[in-house]
Amino acid sequence: MENTGSDWQLFKQVTISGYTWIVIASIYGKATNNLYAVGTADNYDGSGYKGIILRYDGVDWRLLNIREIRAGFYDIKRMKNGKYLISGGTSDNVYKLFLFDGTKTIKEIHSGFYSGLSEIEGEVYITINKRIYKYINNNLELWKEFPGTNYISTCCGRSEKDFFGSGENGEIMHYNGNDLKILYHTPFYGALGGVIYDKDVIFFGYDSENGINVMIRGTLDE
């Protein structure tokens, strides 16, 4: 969809031969003429599915010609070296992490536990099994973990000493460089999304018990 300033209009509709429908899970980019969208192409009859990547060059969205991967793509983030990390998963709940060169080449670098991506000050952080990693010199290197807590993933942050996370039972957490503290309990269960501003932070998730999407706003005290 495209916002014309007064309303929303259909900008692009993507179809893929041999697949009934596609779902776009995330759109990401550093410039208006270089955006990426990741998602899944699937069939209603369960005959097959694969991860897809689209790129917007400032004029149009185009499907990239990557090798077929039997996993849906959930999120994409750009590392400082210019390459991208993509999180995904299979229909039987095996989570995946991929390295993507931005054009065509993609390879799997992790399979198993839940993997989520977050970006703080241009650095990409990977959460795997409640531990936070960085991808350095073609290896996943442990950066931080919070043993004895319900921490499950990172939502957003201003720095490595000021970021928000989510807990297994819907907790909104904050790390101040020394301690991880619970700020608020939500109706969500599992990972939250988040957007941070100068003095405000917005968390969003799905309340499965009531079947509704919920947004929560926090404001920094003066």
N, C-alpha and C. Protein backbone atom coordinates (compact mmCIF):
# COMPACT_ATOMS: atom_id res chain seq x y z
N MET A 1 0.84 -1.18 0.00
CA MET A 1 0.00 0.00 0.00
C MET A 1 0.88 1.25 0.00
N GLU A 2 0.34 2.36 -0.55
CA GLU A 2 1.06 3.63 -0.62
C GLU A 2 0.17 4.73 -0.05
N ASN A 3 0.76 5.59 0.80
CA ASN A 3 0.04 6.71 1.37
C ASN A 3 0.23 7.93 0.48
N THR A 4 -0.85 8.43 -0.10
CA THR A 4 -0.78 9.57 -1.01
C THR A 4 -0.84 10.90 -0.29
N GLY A 5 -0.99 10.89 1.03
CA GLY A 5 -1.13 12.10 1.80
C GLY A 5 -2.55 12.31 2.29
N SER A 6 -3.50 11.69 1.60
CA SER A 6 -4.90 11.81 2.00
C SER A 6 -5.54 10.46 2.26
N ASP A 7 -5.01 9.40 1.61
CA ASP A 7 -5.55 8.07 1.84
C ASP A 7 -4.51 7.03 1.42
N TRP A 8 -4.88 5.73 1.58
CA TRP A 8 -4.01 4.64 1.19
C TRP A 8 -4.50 4.05 -0.13
N GLN A 9 -3.55 3.78 -1.04
CA GLN A 9 -3.88 3.19 -2.32
C GLN A 9 -2.97 2.00 -2.59
N LEU A 10 -3.49 1.03 -3.37
CA LEU A 10 -2.69 -0.13 -3.74
C LEU A 10 -1.54 0.32 -4.64
N PHE A 11 -0.30 -0.02 -4.24
CA PHE A 11 0.89 0.35 -5.02
C PHE A 11 1.43 -0.83 -5.83
N LYS A 12 1.43 -2.02 -5.23
CA LYS A 12 2.00 -3.17 -5.89
C LYS A 12 1.32 -4.44 -5.40
N GLN A 13 1.00 -5.33 -6.29
CA GLN A 13 0.47 -6.64 -5.94
C GLN A 13 1.38 -7.69 -6.57
N VAL A 14 1.96 -8.53 -5.72
CA VAL A 14 2.94 -9.51 -6.18
C VAL A 14 2.30 -10.90 -6.22
N THR A 15 2.48 -11.59 -7.31
CA THR A 15 2.04 -12.98 -7.43
C THR A 15 3.23 -13.82 -7.89
N ILE A 16 3.23 -15.10 -7.49
CA ILE A 16 4.31 -16.00 -7.87
C ILE A 16 3.68 -17.25 -8.46
N SER A 17 4.09 -17.61 -9.65
CA SER A 17 3.54 -18.77 -10.32
C SER A 17 3.78 -20.04 -9.49
N GLY A 18 2.73 -20.82 -9.33
CA GLY A 18 2.83 -22.07 -8.58
C GLY A 18 2.49 -21.93 -7.11
N TYR A 19 2.18 -20.69 -6.66
CA TYR A 19 1.85 -20.45 -5.26
C TYR A 19 0.53 -19.68 -5.18
N THR A 20 -0.29 -20.06 -4.21
CA THR A 20 -1.62 -19.47 -4.08
C THR A 20 -1.57 -18.05 -3.55
N TRP A 21 -0.70 -17.81 -2.58
CA TRP A 21 -0.66 -16.49 -1.95
C TRP A 21 0.71 -16.24 -1.34
N ILE A 22 0.99 -14.98 -1.03
CA ILE A 22 2.22 -14.61 -0.34
C ILE A 22 1.88 -13.71 0.84
N VAL A 23 2.71 -13.77 1.85
CA VAL A 23 2.57 -12.91 3.03
C VAL A 23 3.88 -12.16 3.24
N ILE A 24 3.81 -10.85 3.37
CA ILE A 24 4.98 -10.04 3.67
C ILE A 24 5.02 -9.83 5.18
N ALA A 25 6.10 -10.28 5.82
CA ALA A 25 6.21 -10.21 7.28
C ALA A 25 6.92 -8.95 7.75
N SER A 26 7.83 -8.41 6.94
CA SER A 26 8.62 -7.26 7.40
C SER A 26 9.14 -6.47 6.22
N ILE A 27 9.18 -5.14 6.37
CA ILE A 27 9.78 -4.24 5.39
C ILE A 27 10.85 -3.44 6.11
N TYR A 28 12.03 -3.31 5.48
CA TYR A 28 13.17 -2.70 6.16
C TYR A 28 14.06 -2.00 5.14
N GLY A 29 14.71 -0.92 5.56
CA GLY A 29 15.67 -0.27 4.69
C GLY A 29 16.30 0.95 5.32
N LYS A 30 17.40 1.40 4.72
CA LYS A 30 18.13 2.57 5.17
C LYS A 30 17.88 3.79 4.29
N ALA A 31 17.28 3.59 3.12
CA ALA A 31 17.02 4.68 2.19
C ALA A 31 15.75 4.38 1.41
N THR A 32 15.09 5.43 0.94
CA THR A 32 13.82 5.26 0.25
C THR A 32 13.98 4.56 -1.10
N ASN A 33 15.20 4.51 -1.63
CA ASN A 33 15.43 3.81 -2.90
C ASN A 33 16.15 2.48 -2.70
N ASN A 34 16.13 1.97 -1.48
CA ASN A 34 16.77 0.68 -1.21
C ASN A 34 16.08 0.01 -0.02
N LEU A 35 14.89 -0.52 -0.27
CA LEU A 35 14.11 -1.19 0.76
C LEU A 35 14.00 -2.68 0.45
N TYR A 36 13.88 -3.47 1.51
CA TYR A 36 13.69 -4.91 1.35
C TYR A 36 12.44 -5.35 2.07
N ALA A 37 11.77 -6.34 1.50
CA ALA A 37 10.61 -6.96 2.15
C ALA A 37 10.83 -8.46 2.14
N VAL A 38 10.54 -9.10 3.27
CA VAL A 38 10.69 -10.56 3.35
C VAL A 38 9.37 -11.18 3.78
N GLY A 39 9.17 -12.43 3.38
CA GLY A 39 7.93 -13.11 3.72
C GLY A 39 7.92 -14.54 3.23
N THR A 40 6.72 -15.02 2.89
CA THR A 40 6.54 -16.42 2.53
C THR A 40 5.57 -16.55 1.36
N ALA A 41 5.90 -17.41 0.43
CA ALA A 41 4.97 -17.83 -0.62
C ALA A 41 4.45 -19.21 -0.23
N ASP A 42 3.13 -19.42 -0.31
CA ASP A 42 2.55 -20.65 0.22
C ASP A 42 1.38 -21.11 -0.65
N ASN A 43 0.91 -22.33 -0.36
CA ASN A 43 -0.27 -22.90 -1.03
C ASN A 43 -1.29 -23.33 0.00
N TYR A 44 -2.55 -23.14 -0.31
CA TYR A 44 -3.63 -23.53 0.60
C TYR A 44 -3.66 -25.03 0.83
N ASP A 45 -3.26 -25.80 -0.16
CA ASP A 45 -3.35 -27.25 -0.04
C ASP A 45 -2.14 -27.87 0.66
N GLY A 46 -1.20 -27.05 1.11
CA GLY A 46 -0.04 -27.55 1.82
C GLY A 46 1.01 -28.20 0.95
N SER A 47 0.93 -27.98 -0.36
CA SER A 47 1.85 -28.64 -1.29
C SER A 47 3.25 -28.04 -1.29
N GLY A 48 3.42 -26.88 -0.70
CA GLY A 48 4.76 -26.30 -0.68
C GLY A 48 4.77 -24.84 -0.25
N TYR A 49 5.90 -24.41 0.30
CA TYR A 49 6.07 -23.01 0.67
C TYR A 49 7.56 -22.67 0.60
N LYS A 50 7.88 -21.38 0.52
CA LYS A 50 9.27 -20.96 0.46
C LYS A 50 9.39 -19.50 0.92
N GLY A 51 10.61 -19.14 1.33
CA GLY A 51 10.88 -17.76 1.71
C GLY A 51 11.09 -16.89 0.49
N ILE A 52 10.64 -15.64 0.59
CA ILE A 52 10.79 -14.71 -0.53
C ILE A 52 11.39 -13.39 -0.04
N ILE A 53 12.11 -12.72 -0.97
CA ILE A 53 12.69 -11.41 -0.70
C ILE A 53 12.34 -10.50 -1.87
N LEU A 54 11.83 -9.31 -1.58
CA LEU A 54 11.58 -8.30 -2.60
C LEU A 54 12.45 -7.08 -2.29
N ARG A 55 12.83 -6.35 -3.34
CA ARG A 55 13.61 -5.13 -3.17
C ARG A 55 12.92 -3.98 -3.90
N TYR A 56 12.89 -2.82 -3.22
CA TYR A 56 12.34 -1.60 -3.82
C TYR A 56 13.48 -0.67 -4.14
N ASP A 57 13.60 -0.24 -5.41
CA ASP A 57 14.71 0.59 -5.87
C ASP A 57 14.34 2.07 -6.00
N GLY A 58 13.21 2.46 -5.44
CA GLY A 58 12.74 3.83 -5.56
C GLY A 58 11.68 3.99 -6.62
N VAL A 59 11.54 2.97 -7.48
CA VAL A 59 10.55 3.00 -8.56
C VAL A 59 9.54 1.86 -8.41
N ASP A 60 10.03 0.65 -8.18
CA ASP A 60 9.14 -0.50 -8.16
C ASP A 60 9.70 -1.58 -7.24
N TRP A 61 8.81 -2.46 -6.76
CA TRP A 61 9.19 -3.64 -6.00
C TRP A 61 9.43 -4.78 -6.97
N ARG A 62 10.56 -5.49 -6.79
CA ARG A 62 10.88 -6.63 -7.64
C ARG A 62 11.27 -7.83 -6.79
N LEU A 63 10.77 -8.99 -7.19
CA LEU A 63 11.10 -10.24 -6.50
C LEU A 63 12.52 -10.64 -6.85
N LEU A 64 13.35 -10.92 -5.83
CA LEU A 64 14.73 -11.30 -6.07
C LEU A 64 14.83 -12.79 -6.37
N ASN A 65 15.75 -13.13 -7.23
CA ASN A 65 15.93 -14.50 -7.68
C ASN A 65 16.92 -15.22 -6.75
N ILE A 66 16.42 -15.67 -5.61
CA ILE A 66 17.25 -16.43 -4.67
C ILE A 66 16.93 -17.92 -4.81
N ARG A 67 17.81 -18.76 -4.27
CA ARG A 67 17.53 -20.19 -4.32
C ARG A 67 16.31 -20.52 -3.44
N GLU A 68 15.62 -21.60 -3.78
CA GLU A 68 14.42 -21.97 -3.03
C GLU A 68 14.78 -22.50 -1.65
N ILE A 69 14.18 -21.92 -0.62
CA ILE A 69 14.42 -22.31 0.76
C ILE A 69 13.08 -22.62 1.41
N ARG A 70 12.97 -23.83 1.96
CA ARG A 70 11.71 -24.24 2.58
C ARG A 70 11.64 -23.70 4.01
N ALA A 71 11.40 -22.42 4.08
CA ALA A 71 11.23 -21.72 5.36
C ALA A 71 10.59 -20.37 5.06
N GLY A 72 9.73 -19.92 5.96
CA GLY A 72 9.19 -18.59 5.82
C GLY A 72 10.17 -17.58 6.40
N PHE A 73 10.25 -16.38 5.83
CA PHE A 73 11.13 -15.34 6.33
C PHE A 73 10.33 -14.36 7.18
N TYR A 74 10.88 -14.01 8.36
CA TYR A 74 10.17 -13.17 9.31
C TYR A 74 10.68 -11.74 9.38
N ASP A 75 12.00 -11.57 9.34
CA ASP A 75 12.58 -10.24 9.56
C ASP A 75 13.91 -10.15 8.83
N ILE A 76 14.35 -8.92 8.56
CA ILE A 76 15.62 -8.67 7.89
C ILE A 76 16.27 -7.43 8.49
N LYS A 77 17.59 -7.49 8.70
CA LYS A 77 18.35 -6.35 9.23
C LYS A 77 19.70 -6.28 8.51
N ARG A 78 20.19 -5.06 8.30
CA ARG A 78 21.47 -4.84 7.62
C ARG A 78 22.59 -4.65 8.63
N MET A 79 23.67 -5.39 8.47
CA MET A 79 24.84 -5.24 9.32
C MET A 79 25.76 -4.14 8.79
N LYS A 80 26.72 -3.73 9.61
CA LYS A 80 27.61 -2.64 9.23
C LYS A 80 28.51 -3.00 8.05
N ASN A 81 28.70 -4.31 7.79
CA ASN A 81 29.53 -4.72 6.66
C ASN A 81 28.76 -4.74 5.34
N GLY A 82 27.48 -4.34 5.38
CA GLY A 82 26.68 -4.26 4.17
C GLY A 82 25.87 -5.50 3.87
N LYS A 83 26.13 -6.60 4.57
CA LYS A 83 25.34 -7.82 4.38
C LYS A 83 24.14 -7.81 5.32
N TYR A 84 23.21 -8.73 5.08
CA TYR A 84 21.95 -8.76 5.81
C TYR A 84 21.79 -10.08 6.56
N LEU A 85 21.10 -10.01 7.69
CA LEU A 85 20.66 -11.19 8.41
C LEU A 85 19.15 -11.30 8.26
N ILE A 86 18.66 -12.52 8.03
CA ILE A 86 17.24 -12.78 7.87
C ILE A 86 16.85 -13.89 8.84
N SER A 87 15.82 -13.64 9.64
CA SER A 87 15.29 -14.68 10.51
C SER A 87 14.10 -15.35 9.83
N GLY A 88 13.88 -16.62 10.15
CA GLY A 88 12.78 -17.35 9.54
C GLY A 88 12.46 -18.61 10.32
N GLY A 89 11.61 -19.44 9.73
CA GLY A 89 11.24 -20.68 10.40
C GLY A 89 10.45 -21.59 9.49
N THR A 90 10.34 -22.84 9.89
CA THR A 90 9.63 -23.85 9.11
C THR A 90 8.24 -24.09 9.70
N SER A 91 7.43 -24.85 8.99
CA SER A 91 6.07 -25.14 9.44
C SER A 91 6.04 -26.01 10.69
N ASP A 92 7.13 -26.70 10.98
CA ASP A 92 7.19 -27.51 12.20
C ASP A 92 7.99 -26.81 13.31
N ASN A 93 8.02 -25.48 13.24
CA ASN A 93 8.56 -24.62 14.30
C ASN A 93 10.06 -24.81 14.55
N VAL A 94 10.82 -25.01 13.49
CA VAL A 94 12.28 -24.96 13.57
C VAL A 94 12.71 -23.59 13.08
N TYR A 95 13.34 -22.81 13.95
CA TYR A 95 13.72 -21.45 13.59
C TYR A 95 15.05 -21.45 12.84
N LYS A 96 15.17 -20.49 11.92
CA LYS A 96 16.34 -20.41 11.06
C LYS A 96 16.91 -18.99 11.05
N LEU A 97 18.21 -18.91 10.75
CA LEU A 97 18.86 -17.62 10.56
C LEU A 97 19.70 -17.72 9.30
N PHE A 98 19.60 -16.70 8.43
CA PHE A 98 20.28 -16.72 7.14
C PHE A 98 21.14 -15.48 6.97
N LEU A 99 22.24 -15.64 6.21
CA LEU A 99 23.09 -14.53 5.80
C LEU A 99 22.80 -14.26 4.33
N PHE A 100 22.55 -12.99 3.99
CA PHE A 100 22.13 -12.60 2.64
C PHE A 100 23.03 -11.46 2.16
N ASP A 101 23.50 -11.55 0.91
CA ASP A 101 24.43 -10.54 0.39
C ASP A 101 23.74 -9.30 -0.16
N GLY A 102 22.42 -9.27 -0.16
CA GLY A 102 21.68 -8.10 -0.63
C GLY A 102 21.21 -8.20 -2.06
N THR A 103 21.68 -9.21 -2.79
CA THR A 103 21.28 -9.33 -4.19
C THR A 103 20.73 -10.72 -4.52
N LYS A 104 21.52 -11.78 -4.24
CA LYS A 104 21.09 -13.11 -4.66
C LYS A 104 21.52 -14.22 -3.70
N THR A 105 22.74 -14.17 -3.20
CA THR A 105 23.30 -15.27 -2.43
C THR A 105 22.79 -15.27 -1.00
N ILE A 106 22.28 -16.41 -0.56
CA ILE A 106 21.76 -16.56 0.80
C ILE A 106 22.18 -17.92 1.33
N LYS A 107 22.61 -17.96 2.60
CA LYS A 107 23.00 -19.23 3.20
C LYS A 107 22.53 -19.30 4.64
N GLU A 108 22.22 -20.50 5.08
CA GLU A 108 21.75 -20.73 6.45
C GLU A 108 22.95 -20.74 7.40
N ILE A 109 22.83 -20.02 8.54
CA ILE A 109 23.91 -19.99 9.52
C ILE A 109 23.47 -20.47 10.89
N HIS A 110 22.16 -20.73 11.08
CA HIS A 110 21.68 -21.25 12.35
C HIS A 110 20.35 -21.95 12.13
N SER A 111 20.14 -23.04 12.88
CA SER A 111 18.87 -23.75 12.86
C SER A 111 18.62 -24.34 14.24
N GLY A 112 17.40 -24.15 14.75
CA GLY A 112 17.08 -24.72 16.04
C GLY A 112 16.17 -23.85 16.87
N PHE A 113 16.75 -23.21 17.91
CA PHE A 113 15.98 -22.40 18.83
C PHE A 113 15.49 -21.12 18.17
N TYR A 114 14.49 -20.47 18.83
CA TYR A 114 13.96 -19.20 18.37
C TYR A 114 15.09 -18.20 18.12
N SER A 115 15.04 -17.53 17.00
CA SER A 115 16.03 -16.50 16.69
C SER A 115 15.31 -15.22 16.28
N GLY A 116 15.64 -14.12 16.96
CA GLY A 116 15.05 -12.83 16.65
C GLY A 116 16.13 -11.81 16.38
N LEU A 117 15.81 -10.77 15.60
CA LEU A 117 16.77 -9.74 15.23
C LEU A 117 16.36 -8.40 15.81
N SER A 118 17.34 -7.64 16.25
CA SER A 118 17.11 -6.27 16.68
C SER A 118 18.30 -5.42 16.27
N GLU A 119 18.09 -4.13 16.14
CA GLU A 119 19.14 -3.22 15.70
C GLU A 119 19.25 -2.05 16.68
N ILE A 120 20.46 -1.81 17.16
CA ILE A 120 20.73 -0.71 18.09
C ILE A 120 21.96 0.02 17.60
N GLU A 121 21.83 1.31 17.31
CA GLU A 121 22.93 2.15 16.83
C GLU A 121 23.64 1.52 15.63
N GLY A 122 22.86 0.95 14.72
CA GLY A 122 23.43 0.38 13.51
C GLY A 122 24.02 -0.99 13.66
N GLU A 123 24.05 -1.54 14.87
CA GLU A 123 24.57 -2.88 15.13
C GLU A 123 23.40 -3.85 15.21
N VAL A 124 23.56 -5.05 14.63
CA VAL A 124 22.50 -6.05 14.65
C VAL A 124 22.78 -7.08 15.74
N TYR A 125 21.75 -7.37 16.53
CA TYR A 125 21.86 -8.34 17.62
C TYR A 125 20.89 -9.49 17.35
N ILE A 126 21.36 -10.70 17.62
CA ILE A 126 20.57 -11.90 17.36
C ILE A 126 20.24 -12.58 18.67
N THR A 127 18.97 -12.78 18.96
CA THR A 127 18.57 -13.50 20.15
C THR A 127 18.30 -14.96 19.80
N ILE A 128 19.04 -15.87 20.44
CA ILE A 128 18.87 -17.31 20.23
C ILE A 128 18.80 -17.97 21.60
N ASN A 129 17.68 -18.62 21.87
CA ASN A 129 17.50 -19.34 23.13
C ASN A 129 17.83 -18.45 24.33
N LYS A 130 17.29 -17.21 24.31
CA LYS A 130 17.39 -16.24 25.39
C LYS A 130 18.79 -15.63 25.57
N ARG A 131 19.68 -15.93 24.64
CA ARG A 131 21.02 -15.34 24.66
C ARG A 131 21.17 -14.39 23.49
N ILE A 132 21.93 -13.31 23.67
CA ILE A 132 22.11 -12.31 22.62
C ILE A 132 23.49 -12.49 21.98
N TYR A 133 23.49 -12.60 20.66
CA TYR A 133 24.72 -12.82 19.90
C TYR A 133 24.95 -11.68 18.91
N LYS A 134 26.22 -11.58 18.47
CA LYS A 134 26.59 -10.77 17.32
C LYS A 134 27.21 -11.70 16.28
N TYR A 135 27.05 -11.33 15.01
CA TYR A 135 27.65 -12.12 13.93
C TYR A 135 28.95 -11.45 13.52
N ILE A 136 30.08 -12.04 13.95
CA ILE A 136 31.40 -11.44 13.76
C ILE A 136 32.32 -12.47 13.11
N ASN A 137 32.98 -12.04 12.02
CA ASN A 137 33.95 -12.90 11.32
C ASN A 137 33.34 -14.28 10.99
N ASN A 138 32.11 -14.23 10.46
CA ASN A 138 31.40 -15.43 10.01
C ASN A 138 31.06 -16.39 11.13
N ASN A 139 30.96 -15.88 12.35
CA ASN A 139 30.59 -16.70 13.49
C ASN A 139 29.60 -15.96 14.39
N LEU A 140 28.72 -16.72 15.02
CA LEU A 140 27.83 -16.17 16.03
C LEU A 140 28.59 -16.14 17.35
N GLU A 141 28.80 -14.95 17.90
CA GLU A 141 29.54 -14.79 19.14
C GLU A 141 28.62 -14.27 20.24
N LEU A 142 28.63 -14.97 21.38
CA LEU A 142 27.78 -14.57 22.50
C LEU A 142 28.19 -13.20 23.01
N TRP A 143 27.18 -12.30 23.14
CA TRP A 143 27.43 -10.97 23.66
C TRP A 143 26.90 -10.80 25.08
N LYS A 144 25.67 -11.27 25.35
CA LYS A 144 25.09 -11.07 26.67
C LYS A 144 23.98 -12.10 26.91
N GLU A 145 23.82 -12.50 28.17
CA GLU A 145 22.72 -13.37 28.56
C GLU A 145 22.22 -12.95 29.93
N PHE A 146 20.98 -13.32 30.24
CA PHE A 146 20.34 -12.94 31.50
C PHE A 146 19.83 -14.18 32.22
N PRO A 147 20.73 -14.98 32.79
CA PRO A 147 20.31 -16.21 33.47
C PRO A 147 19.42 -15.91 34.66
N GLY A 148 18.45 -16.80 34.91
CA GLY A 148 17.55 -16.64 36.03
C GLY A 148 16.43 -15.65 35.80
N THR A 149 16.25 -15.19 34.55
CA THR A 149 15.17 -14.25 34.23
C THR A 149 14.27 -14.87 33.16
N ASN A 150 13.15 -14.19 32.87
CA ASN A 150 12.23 -14.62 31.81
C ASN A 150 12.53 -13.98 30.47
N TYR A 151 13.68 -13.30 30.36
CA TYR A 151 14.03 -12.63 29.10
C TYR A 151 13.94 -13.61 27.93
N ILE A 152 13.31 -13.12 26.82
CA ILE A 152 13.20 -13.97 25.63
C ILE A 152 13.73 -13.28 24.38
N SER A 153 13.59 -11.93 24.29
CA SER A 153 14.09 -11.24 23.10
C SER A 153 14.23 -9.75 23.36
N THR A 154 14.97 -9.09 22.46
CA THR A 154 15.16 -7.64 22.53
C THR A 154 14.18 -6.96 21.59
N CYS A 155 13.52 -5.90 22.08
CA CYS A 155 12.56 -5.17 21.26
C CYS A 155 13.23 -4.02 20.50
N CYS A 156 13.89 -3.13 21.24
CA CYS A 156 14.48 -1.94 20.66
C CYS A 156 15.36 -1.28 21.71
N GLY A 157 16.18 -0.31 21.30
CA GLY A 157 17.03 0.34 22.28
C GLY A 157 17.78 1.54 21.71
N ARG A 158 18.35 2.32 22.62
CA ARG A 158 19.15 3.48 22.25
C ARG A 158 20.64 3.15 22.21
N SER A 159 21.07 2.21 23.05
CA SER A 159 22.47 1.83 23.12
C SER A 159 22.57 0.46 23.78
N GLU A 160 23.80 -0.06 23.87
CA GLU A 160 24.01 -1.35 24.52
C GLU A 160 23.75 -1.30 26.02
N LYS A 161 23.65 -0.09 26.55
CA LYS A 161 23.36 0.08 27.98
C LYS A 161 21.99 0.71 28.22
N ASP A 162 21.14 0.66 27.21
CA ASP A 162 19.80 1.23 27.32
C ASP A 162 18.90 0.61 26.26
N PHE A 163 18.37 -0.58 26.56
CA PHE A 163 17.48 -1.21 25.61
C PHE A 163 16.36 -1.96 26.33
N PHE A 164 15.28 -2.22 25.55
CA PHE A 164 14.08 -2.88 26.07
C PHE A 164 14.00 -4.30 25.54
N GLY A 165 13.46 -5.18 26.38
CA GLY A 165 13.27 -6.56 25.98
C GLY A 165 11.90 -7.06 26.40
N SER A 166 11.59 -8.28 26.01
CA SER A 166 10.32 -8.88 26.40
C SER A 166 10.58 -10.20 27.11
N GLY A 167 9.62 -10.59 27.96
CA GLY A 167 9.73 -11.81 28.74
C GLY A 167 8.75 -12.87 28.29
N GLU A 168 8.95 -14.08 28.76
CA GLU A 168 8.12 -15.21 28.36
C GLU A 168 6.65 -15.01 28.70
N ASN A 169 6.37 -14.32 29.80
CA ASN A 169 4.99 -14.17 30.27
C ASN A 169 4.43 -12.77 30.01
N GLY A 170 4.96 -12.11 28.98
CA GLY A 170 4.43 -10.80 28.60
C GLY A 170 5.09 -9.63 29.28
N GLU A 171 6.20 -9.83 29.96
CA GLU A 171 6.86 -8.72 30.64
C GLU A 171 7.56 -7.78 29.65
N ILE A 172 7.46 -6.48 29.90
CA ILE A 172 8.31 -5.50 29.23
C ILE A 172 9.47 -5.23 30.17
N MET A 173 10.70 -5.42 29.66
CA MET A 173 11.90 -5.30 30.48
C MET A 173 12.80 -4.19 29.97
N HIS A 174 13.66 -3.69 30.86
CA HIS A 174 14.64 -2.68 30.46
C HIS A 174 15.99 -3.01 31.05
N TYR A 175 17.04 -2.90 30.21
CA TYR A 175 18.41 -3.11 30.65
C TYR A 175 19.13 -1.78 30.67
N ASN A 176 19.74 -1.43 31.81
CA ASN A 176 20.39 -0.11 31.97
C ASN A 176 21.91 -0.18 31.97
N GLY A 177 22.44 -1.31 31.55
CA GLY A 177 23.88 -1.48 31.54
C GLY A 177 24.37 -2.33 32.69
N ASN A 178 23.54 -2.43 33.72
CA ASN A 178 23.88 -3.25 34.89
C ASN A 178 22.81 -4.28 35.21
N ASP A 179 21.55 -3.83 35.21
CA ASP A 179 20.45 -4.68 35.65
C ASP A 179 19.35 -4.76 34.59
N LEU A 180 18.70 -5.93 34.56
CA LEU A 180 17.52 -6.12 33.74
C LEU A 180 16.31 -6.09 34.66
N LYS A 181 15.43 -5.10 34.46
CA LYS A 181 14.29 -4.91 35.35
C LYS A 181 12.97 -5.02 34.58
N ILE A 182 11.96 -5.56 35.24
CA ILE A 182 10.62 -5.63 34.66
C ILE A 182 9.91 -4.29 34.89
N LEU A 183 9.41 -3.69 33.79
CA LEU A 183 8.72 -2.41 33.88
C LEU A 183 7.21 -2.55 33.88
N TYR A 184 6.71 -3.57 33.16
CA TYR A 184 5.27 -3.64 32.94
C TYR A 184 4.90 -5.05 32.50
N HIS A 185 3.73 -5.52 32.93
CA HIS A 185 3.20 -6.81 32.49
C HIS A 185 2.11 -6.58 31.45
N THR A 186 2.21 -7.26 30.33
CA THR A 186 1.26 -7.11 29.23
C THR A 186 0.45 -8.39 29.05
N PRO A 187 -0.62 -8.34 28.23
CA PRO A 187 -1.39 -9.57 27.93
C PRO A 187 -0.73 -10.42 26.85
N PHE A 188 0.46 -10.02 26.37
CA PHE A 188 1.14 -10.77 25.32
C PHE A 188 1.92 -11.94 25.93
N TYR A 189 2.11 -12.96 25.14
CA TYR A 189 2.97 -14.08 25.54
C TYR A 189 3.98 -14.32 24.44
N GLY A 190 5.26 -14.17 24.77
CA GLY A 190 6.31 -14.31 23.77
C GLY A 190 6.89 -12.96 23.39
N ALA A 191 7.57 -12.93 22.24
CA ALA A 191 8.32 -11.74 21.83
C ALA A 191 7.40 -10.58 21.47
N LEU A 192 7.84 -9.37 21.84
CA LEU A 192 7.15 -8.14 21.49
C LEU A 192 7.92 -7.40 20.42
N GLY A 193 7.23 -6.54 19.67
CA GLY A 193 7.89 -5.60 18.79
C GLY A 193 7.97 -4.25 19.48
N GLY A 194 8.87 -3.40 19.01
CA GLY A 194 9.00 -2.09 19.64
C GLY A 194 9.60 -1.05 18.72
N VAL A 195 9.20 0.20 18.92
CA VAL A 195 9.76 1.35 18.21
C VAL A 195 10.10 2.39 19.25
N ILE A 196 11.32 2.93 19.19
CA ILE A 196 11.77 3.87 20.21
C ILE A 196 11.99 5.25 19.62
N TYR A 197 11.58 6.28 20.39
CA TYR A 197 11.77 7.67 20.01
C TYR A 197 12.60 8.35 21.10
N ASP A 198 12.73 9.67 21.04
CA ASP A 198 13.55 10.39 22.02
C ASP A 198 13.09 10.13 23.44
N LYS A 199 11.79 10.30 23.69
CA LYS A 199 11.27 10.14 25.04
C LYS A 199 10.13 9.12 25.13
N ASP A 200 9.77 8.54 24.01
CA ASP A 200 8.66 7.59 23.99
C ASP A 200 9.11 6.27 23.38
N VAL A 201 8.46 5.21 23.81
CA VAL A 201 8.67 3.90 23.22
C VAL A 201 7.31 3.24 23.06
N ILE A 202 7.10 2.61 21.89
CA ILE A 202 5.84 1.95 21.58
C ILE A 202 6.09 0.46 21.45
N PHE A 203 5.33 -0.34 22.20
CA PHE A 203 5.42 -1.79 22.10
C PHE A 203 4.13 -2.30 21.45
N PHE A 204 4.26 -3.34 20.64
CA PHE A 204 3.08 -3.90 19.99
C PHE A 204 3.16 -5.42 19.99
N GLY A 205 1.99 -6.04 20.05
CA GLY A 205 1.91 -7.49 20.06
C GLY A 205 0.47 -7.94 19.91
N TYR A 206 0.28 -9.23 20.00
CA TYR A 206 -1.05 -9.81 19.80
C TYR A 206 -1.53 -10.45 21.09
N ASP A 207 -2.71 -10.01 21.54
CA ASP A 207 -3.35 -10.58 22.73
C ASP A 207 -4.18 -11.77 22.28
N SER A 208 -3.59 -12.98 22.38
CA SER A 208 -4.25 -14.18 21.85
C SER A 208 -5.50 -14.55 22.64
N GLU A 209 -5.54 -14.20 23.92
CA GLU A 209 -6.70 -14.55 24.74
C GLU A 209 -7.94 -13.81 24.29
N ASN A 210 -7.77 -12.53 23.90
CA ASN A 210 -8.91 -11.72 23.47
C ASN A 210 -8.98 -11.54 21.95
N GLY A 211 -7.96 -12.05 21.24
CA GLY A 211 -7.98 -11.99 19.79
C GLY A 211 -7.84 -10.59 19.23
N ILE A 212 -7.00 -9.75 19.85
CA ILE A 212 -6.84 -8.37 19.38
C ILE A 212 -5.36 -7.99 19.36
N ASN A 213 -5.04 -7.05 18.47
CA ASN A 213 -3.71 -6.44 18.46
C ASN A 213 -3.69 -5.30 19.47
N VAL A 214 -2.59 -5.17 20.20
CA VAL A 214 -2.50 -4.16 21.26
C VAL A 214 -1.20 -3.38 21.11
N MET A 215 -1.28 -2.07 21.38
CA MET A 215 -0.09 -1.22 21.42
C MET A 215 0.00 -0.58 22.81
N ILE A 216 1.21 -0.50 23.34
CA ILE A 216 1.45 0.08 24.67
C ILE A 216 2.51 1.16 24.51
N ARG A 217 2.23 2.32 25.08
CA ARG A 217 3.17 3.46 25.00
C ARG A 217 3.79 3.76 26.34
N GLY A 218 5.09 3.92 26.36
CA GLY A 218 5.80 4.33 27.56
C GLY A 218 6.49 5.67 27.31
N THR A 219 6.54 6.52 28.34
CA THR A 219 7.15 7.84 28.24
C THR A 219 8.22 8.02 29.29
N LEU A 220 9.38 8.53 28.89
CA LEU A 220 10.48 8.76 29.82
C LEU A 220 10.12 9.88 30.79
N ASP A 221 10.36 9.62 32.07
CA ASP A 221 10.10 10.66 33.08
C ASP A 221 11.02 11.84 32.88
N GLU A 222 10.48 13.04 33.11
CA GLU A 222 11.29 14.26 33.01
C GLU A 222 12.26 14.34 34.19
